[in-house]
Amino acid sequence: MKINKKSLLGVAAVALSMTLWGCAKEKGVFEDGGSSGIVQLVLPARTSSTAIARAVTTVFEALDVVTLPVKVQLTGAQGATEELKLTLKINDGSVEKYNLAWQSKYEALPTRLYAVDTYDIIIPKGAKEAILNIKIYPPRFTAIDFTKSYALGVQIQSATGGKISGNYAEGVYTVSIKNKYDGIYEVTGTYQDYVNAAFTGIYPQTANLVTLTGNTSEINYTTFNNGSSPHSYYFNAGGSNSYFGNWSPIFTFDNATNKVTAVTNYYGQGTNSSGRYGEIDNTANNYYDPATKTIHVTYYLVQPSGRRGKFTEIYTFKKTR
């Protein structure tokens, strides 16, 4: 008997198709377009080279109680085909993991400063999202707490359906109360570049001072690119605009004296790929004036070869963020 090769291939294809269909069926009710729905925290995108995603920055008004919403989502075009029950937990180990990955120095938020009514949340049938609400109590923050860099580590512990993400099952949420320097400012001043004299500062610019702790604020630039590059300082590169990679300042204040005591780099003090870091000019009068809500500060951008340039700036408060 002669076997038709085309018929044999057709039978194999059908068998393979049935096998794959059976495997897909076993994946459960959260099947969507050929792959199971993934249950994950809503976090900034991360790469395989980092152990954990960048932290979600959360800054609160100094009210009696505020809420930190931790969003969990089910991926895919369709919502859950049946109710999905999730259990989350606070994981201080995630904060330690984050510090190691990003060379930061966050401390786990003390339990006296927050509360969670329940760690069990539900993604309803047909929906794709649920929220774990964490209550934060600003009045419980002491003067010492305001000097700390606090964060909460949150992790998805279990889910009754779908697959828990391997990349976004745990995240870190920084927790800080707005300090007195927080706001939207007009920045005037000068920039002197020691490497290329044609590089000069562009002023005035608009920038947000965003609270990190009770006495530290990062600079978010908003003048260029509709504010989509908040951690990029743009300057005049001799006729066209450019910016420094891996450079964006963070100011540290002494709350008792209103002095600016340090200027560091958002991207790490010399730990970024450019080796850049910030250095305050201690010969200048660096201070915050509460009467006029202005900040006077002089500082340097430093790279492995030495000081790259000098900033002499005045930040004038315009309005709250």
Protein backbone atom coordinates (compact mmCIF):
# COMPACT_ATOMS: atom_id res chain seq x y z
CA MET A 1 0.00 0.00 0.00
CA LYS A 2 1.36 3.35 -0.99
CA ILE A 3 1.27 6.04 1.73
CA ASN A 4 0.45 9.55 0.57
CA LYS A 5 3.01 11.91 2.21
CA LYS A 6 0.63 14.85 2.00
CA SER A 7 -2.05 12.89 3.88
CA LEU A 8 0.47 11.88 6.53
CA LEU A 9 1.52 15.51 7.02
CA GLY A 10 -2.11 16.56 7.28
CA VAL A 11 -2.82 13.99 9.99
CA ALA A 12 0.27 15.14 11.93
CA ALA A 13 -0.80 18.75 11.69
CA VAL A 14 -4.27 17.95 13.01
CA ALA A 15 -2.78 15.92 15.87
CA LEU A 16 -0.41 18.76 16.76
CA SER A 17 -3.25 21.26 16.63
CA MET A 18 -5.37 19.14 18.99
CA THR A 19 -2.42 18.77 21.36
CA LEU A 20 -1.82 22.53 21.46
CA TRP A 21 -5.55 23.15 21.94
CA GLY A 22 -5.53 20.78 24.88
CA CYS A 23 -2.53 22.54 26.45
CA ALA A 24 -4.11 25.94 25.96
CA LYS A 25 -7.33 24.75 27.52
CA GLU A 26 -5.42 23.66 30.61
CA LYS A 27 -4.12 27.20 31.09
CA GLY A 28 -7.45 28.20 32.57
CA VAL A 29 -10.22 30.68 32.09
CA PHE A 30 -7.93 33.68 31.60
CA GLU A 31 -6.90 32.58 28.13
CA ASP A 32 -6.64 35.63 25.84
CA GLY A 33 -5.39 35.47 22.27
CA GLY A 34 -3.40 32.31 22.84
CA SER A 35 -1.67 33.20 26.12
CA SER A 36 -2.85 33.18 29.70
CA GLY A 37 -3.63 36.50 31.38
CA ILE A 38 -0.78 37.76 33.57
CA VAL A 39 -1.53 39.20 36.99
CA GLN A 40 0.86 42.02 37.79
CA LEU A 41 1.40 45.25 39.70
CA VAL A 42 1.18 48.43 37.62
CA LEU A 43 4.81 49.58 37.71
CA PRO A 44 7.31 51.48 35.54
CA ALA A 45 8.76 49.33 32.77
CA ARG A 46 11.85 47.35 33.73
CA THR A 47 14.52 45.52 31.79
CA SER A 48 16.11 42.13 32.34
CA SER A 49 19.26 43.88 33.62
CA THR A 50 17.47 45.21 36.71
CA ALA A 51 16.21 42.96 39.49
CA ILE A 52 13.18 45.14 40.21
CA ALA A 53 11.30 47.98 38.52
CA ARG A 54 11.93 51.61 39.45
CA ALA A 55 9.92 52.73 42.43
CA VAL A 56 6.55 54.40 42.13
CA THR A 57 7.01 57.87 43.66
CA THR A 58 4.18 58.83 46.00
CA VAL A 59 4.04 62.24 47.68
CA PHE A 60 1.15 63.18 49.93
CA GLU A 61 -0.35 66.33 51.37
CA ALA A 62 -0.05 66.63 55.15
CA LEU A 63 -3.65 65.57 55.87
CA ASP A 64 -4.94 63.44 58.77
CA VAL A 65 -4.97 60.35 56.58
CA VAL A 66 -4.14 59.75 52.90
CA THR A 67 -4.42 56.69 50.69
CA LEU A 68 -1.72 54.96 48.67
CA PRO A 69 -3.47 52.99 45.89
CA VAL A 70 -1.55 49.91 44.74
CA LYS A 71 -2.96 48.92 41.36
CA VAL A 72 -3.02 45.32 40.17
CA GLN A 73 -4.00 44.46 36.62
CA LEU A 74 -4.80 41.45 34.46
CA THR A 75 -3.08 41.72 31.08
CA GLY A 76 -4.73 40.99 27.77
CA ALA A 77 -7.51 42.52 25.72
CA GLN A 78 -10.31 40.80 27.61
CA GLY A 79 -11.34 41.14 31.22
CA ALA A 80 -11.53 38.28 33.70
CA THR A 81 -14.05 35.66 32.63
CA GLU A 82 -14.80 34.95 36.27
CA GLU A 83 -14.09 36.65 39.59
CA LEU A 84 -10.36 36.65 40.36
CA LYS A 85 -9.32 36.74 44.00
CA LEU A 86 -5.90 38.09 44.91
CA THR A 87 -3.93 38.28 48.12
CA LEU A 88 -1.11 40.80 48.48
CA LYS A 89 1.37 41.42 51.26
CA ILE A 90 3.85 43.98 52.51
CA ASN A 91 7.37 42.72 51.82
CA ASP A 92 10.22 44.66 53.45
CA GLY A 93 12.60 42.42 51.54
CA SER A 94 11.51 44.12 48.31
CA VAL A 95 12.88 47.42 49.67
CA GLU A 96 16.22 45.77 50.42
CA LYS A 97 16.24 44.24 46.93
CA TYR A 98 15.49 47.66 45.42
CA ASN A 99 18.32 49.33 47.34
CA LEU A 100 20.76 46.74 46.05
CA ALA A 101 19.55 47.03 42.45
CA TRP A 102 19.35 50.84 42.29
CA GLN A 103 22.00 51.73 44.89
CA SER A 104 19.49 53.68 46.94
CA LYS A 105 19.01 53.93 50.70
CA TYR A 106 15.29 53.57 51.35
CA GLU A 107 14.04 52.27 54.66
CA ALA A 108 10.90 50.18 55.04
CA LEU A 109 8.02 52.37 56.23
CA PRO A 110 7.40 51.68 59.95
CA THR A 111 4.11 49.92 60.65
CA ARG A 112 2.99 52.75 62.96
CA LEU A 113 2.75 55.06 59.94
CA TYR A 114 0.36 52.97 57.83
CA ALA A 115 -2.51 50.49 58.01
CA VAL A 116 -4.21 48.05 55.64
CA ASP A 117 -7.81 46.96 56.23
CA THR A 118 -7.43 43.84 54.10
CA TYR A 119 -4.82 42.34 51.80
CA ASP A 120 -7.49 40.43 49.86
CA ILE A 121 -8.77 42.18 46.74
CA ILE A 122 -10.93 41.11 43.79
CA ILE A 123 -10.83 41.69 40.06
CA PRO A 124 -14.54 41.35 39.20
CA LYS A 125 -15.76 39.32 36.26
CA GLY A 126 -15.28 41.33 33.08
CA ALA A 127 -12.81 43.72 34.74
CA LYS A 128 -9.02 43.97 34.48
CA GLU A 129 -7.98 45.89 37.59
CA ALA A 130 -8.18 45.92 41.36
CA ILE A 131 -6.71 48.25 43.96
CA LEU A 132 -5.16 47.60 47.34
CA ASN A 133 -5.60 50.71 49.49
CA ILE A 134 -2.92 51.47 52.05
CA LYS A 135 -3.69 54.20 54.59
CA ILE A 136 -0.85 56.57 55.44
CA TYR A 137 -0.98 58.81 58.54
CA PRO A 138 1.02 62.06 58.01
CA PRO A 139 0.40 63.41 61.56
CA ARG A 140 2.33 60.41 62.91
CA PHE A 141 5.49 61.47 61.09
CA THR A 142 8.02 62.85 63.57
CA ALA A 143 10.87 65.24 62.82
CA ILE A 144 13.15 62.21 62.50
CA ASP A 145 10.72 60.54 60.07
CA PHE A 146 10.96 63.57 57.80
CA THR A 147 14.69 63.01 57.48
CA LYS A 148 14.16 59.41 56.33
CA SER A 149 13.68 58.01 52.84
CA TYR A 150 10.77 55.62 53.33
CA ALA A 151 9.29 53.06 50.97
CA LEU A 152 6.80 50.20 51.05
CA GLY A 153 7.51 46.90 49.34
CA VAL A 154 4.36 45.20 48.04
CA GLN A 155 4.09 41.71 46.56
CA ILE A 156 1.34 39.62 44.97
CA GLN A 157 1.18 36.52 47.15
CA SER A 158 -1.53 34.46 45.44
CA ALA A 159 -4.20 34.55 42.72
CA THR A 160 -7.09 32.18 42.01
CA GLY A 161 -6.55 32.43 38.25
CA GLY A 162 -4.18 33.68 35.60
CA LYS A 163 -0.42 33.61 36.09
CA ILE A 164 1.45 35.81 38.55
CA SER A 165 4.04 37.86 36.69
CA GLY A 166 7.69 36.99 37.12
CA ASN A 167 8.80 40.60 36.51
CA TYR A 168 6.06 42.68 38.12
CA ALA A 169 4.88 40.62 41.08
CA GLU A 170 6.70 42.87 43.54
CA GLY A 171 7.19 46.60 43.57
CA VAL A 172 8.39 49.47 45.71
CA TYR A 173 6.40 52.61 46.51
CA THR A 174 8.23 55.56 48.02
CA VAL A 175 6.26 57.33 50.72
CA SER A 176 6.87 60.95 51.62
CA ILE A 177 4.87 63.93 52.79
CA LYS A 178 5.27 67.18 50.83
CA ASN A 179 8.01 69.27 52.38
CA LYS A 180 7.95 73.07 52.53
CA TYR A 181 10.09 73.43 49.41
CA ASP A 182 7.72 71.47 47.16
CA GLY A 183 6.17 73.46 44.30
CA ILE A 184 6.47 74.92 40.82
CA TYR A 185 9.34 77.40 40.38
CA GLU A 186 10.78 79.75 37.79
CA VAL A 187 14.53 79.16 37.52
CA THR A 188 16.91 81.97 36.56
CA GLY A 189 20.69 82.06 36.63
CA THR A 190 23.72 80.95 34.64
CA TYR A 191 25.52 77.82 33.57
CA GLN A 192 29.25 77.91 32.82
CA ASP A 193 30.70 74.91 31.02
CA TYR A 194 34.39 74.25 31.70
CA VAL A 195 34.83 71.89 28.74
CA ASN A 196 33.10 73.83 25.96
CA ALA A 197 32.66 77.58 26.42
CA ALA A 198 29.97 77.60 23.73
CA PHE A 199 27.67 75.64 26.04
CA THR A 200 25.51 78.04 28.06
CA GLY A 201 22.43 77.83 30.21
CA ILE A 202 18.91 78.54 28.97
CA TYR A 203 17.05 80.74 31.44
CA PRO A 204 14.41 81.28 32.61
CA GLN A 205 13.11 77.73 32.82
CA THR A 206 10.23 76.21 34.74
CA ALA A 207 10.91 73.37 37.12
CA ASN A 208 9.07 71.44 39.80
CA LEU A 209 10.66 70.73 43.14
CA VAL A 210 9.29 67.30 44.03
CA THR A 211 9.49 66.05 47.61
CA LEU A 212 11.59 62.94 48.19
CA THR A 213 11.85 63.25 51.98
CA GLY A 214 11.16 65.95 54.53
CA ASN A 215 14.37 67.72 53.57
CA THR A 216 15.20 66.55 50.01
CA SER A 217 13.63 67.54 46.68
CA GLU A 218 14.40 66.39 43.16
CA ILE A 219 14.28 68.83 40.23
CA ASN A 220 11.79 68.00 37.48
CA TYR A 221 12.33 70.21 34.41
CA THR A 222 9.14 71.05 32.48
CA THR A 223 10.11 73.72 29.90
CA PHE A 224 11.21 71.34 27.13
CA ASN A 225 9.40 68.42 25.47
CA ASN A 226 6.16 69.34 27.24
CA GLY A 227 7.68 68.15 30.49
CA SER A 228 8.22 64.61 29.22
CA SER A 229 11.95 64.75 30.10
CA PRO A 230 11.81 65.85 33.75
CA HIS A 231 15.28 64.54 34.56
CA SER A 232 17.11 66.20 31.67
CA TYR A 233 18.73 69.62 32.00
CA TYR A 234 18.60 71.33 28.59
CA PHE A 235 21.22 73.93 27.61
CA ASN A 236 22.33 75.92 24.57
CA ALA A 237 25.02 73.90 22.79
CA GLY A 238 26.26 76.77 20.65
CA GLY A 239 23.14 77.31 18.55
CA SER A 240 21.05 74.23 19.20
CA ASN A 241 19.57 72.72 22.34
CA SER A 242 21.07 69.67 23.99
CA TYR A 243 21.04 68.00 27.39
CA PHE A 244 23.34 66.11 29.72
CA GLY A 245 22.71 62.38 29.99
CA ASN A 246 22.60 60.84 33.45
CA TRP A 247 22.33 64.21 35.15
CA SER A 248 19.54 65.77 37.18
CA PRO A 249 20.04 67.46 40.56
CA ILE A 250 18.55 66.67 43.95
CA PHE A 251 18.71 69.36 46.66
CA THR A 252 19.15 68.56 50.36
CA PHE A 253 18.12 71.19 52.93
CA ASP A 254 18.67 71.72 56.61
CA ASN A 255 15.12 72.32 57.86
CA ALA A 256 16.34 74.16 60.95
CA THR A 257 18.56 76.68 59.15
CA ASN A 258 16.98 76.58 55.63
CA LYS A 259 20.46 76.08 54.19
CA VAL A 260 20.99 73.99 51.05
CA THR A 261 23.54 71.51 52.33
CA ALA A 262 24.07 69.18 49.36
CA VAL A 263 23.38 68.70 45.66
CA THR A 264 23.40 65.12 44.42
CA ASN A 265 22.51 63.34 41.20
CA TYR A 266 19.15 61.63 40.58
CA TYR A 267 20.97 59.01 38.48
CA GLY A 268 23.42 58.19 41.27
CA GLN A 269 26.51 59.88 42.65
CA GLY A 270 29.06 58.67 40.13
CA THR A 271 27.41 55.25 39.86
CA ASN A 272 25.73 55.93 36.49
CA SER A 273 27.29 54.98 33.13
CA SER A 274 28.59 58.55 32.68
CA GLY A 275 30.15 58.63 36.14
CA ARG A 276 28.47 61.99 36.81
CA TYR A 277 27.59 63.39 40.21
CA GLY A 278 26.63 66.65 41.90
CA GLU A 279 28.71 68.79 44.24
CA ILE A 280 27.59 71.91 46.10
CA ASP A 281 29.78 75.03 46.07
CA ASN A 282 30.47 75.49 49.76
CA THR A 283 31.95 78.95 49.18
CA ALA A 284 28.54 80.27 48.05
CA ASN A 285 25.54 81.25 50.19
CA ASN A 286 23.13 78.40 49.48
CA TYR A 287 19.78 78.86 51.20
CA TYR A 288 15.99 78.87 51.07
CA ASP A 289 14.27 82.15 51.96
CA PRO A 290 10.84 81.33 53.48
CA ALA A 291 9.71 84.95 53.30
CA THR A 292 10.05 85.14 49.51
CA LYS A 293 9.97 81.40 48.85
CA THR A 294 13.16 81.55 46.81
CA ILE A 295 16.10 79.17 46.70
CA HIS A 296 19.62 80.42 46.02
CA VAL A 297 22.07 77.68 45.10
CA THR A 298 25.44 77.24 43.37
CA TYR A 299 26.70 73.79 42.48
CA TYR A 300 28.81 71.73 40.08
CA LEU A 301 28.25 68.93 37.60
CA VAL A 302 31.22 66.62 38.07
CA GLN A 303 32.34 63.72 35.87
CA PRO A 304 35.35 61.35 36.02
CA SER A 305 37.63 63.92 34.40
CA GLY A 306 36.69 66.59 36.97
CA ARG A 307 34.20 69.44 37.28
CA ARG A 308 32.29 69.77 34.01
CA GLY A 309 30.32 72.92 34.73
CA LYS A 310 28.97 75.35 37.32
CA PHE A 311 25.33 76.30 37.96
CA THR A 312 24.39 79.51 39.75
CA GLU A 313 20.61 79.58 40.10
CA ILE A 314 17.66 81.21 41.83
CA TYR A 315 14.39 79.28 42.15
CA THR A 316 11.38 81.56 42.61
CA PHE A 317 8.18 79.92 43.83
CA LYS A 318 5.16 80.37 41.53
CA LYS A 319 2.49 77.96 42.78
CA THR A 320 1.87 74.61 44.37
CA ARG A 321 2.01 71.45 42.30
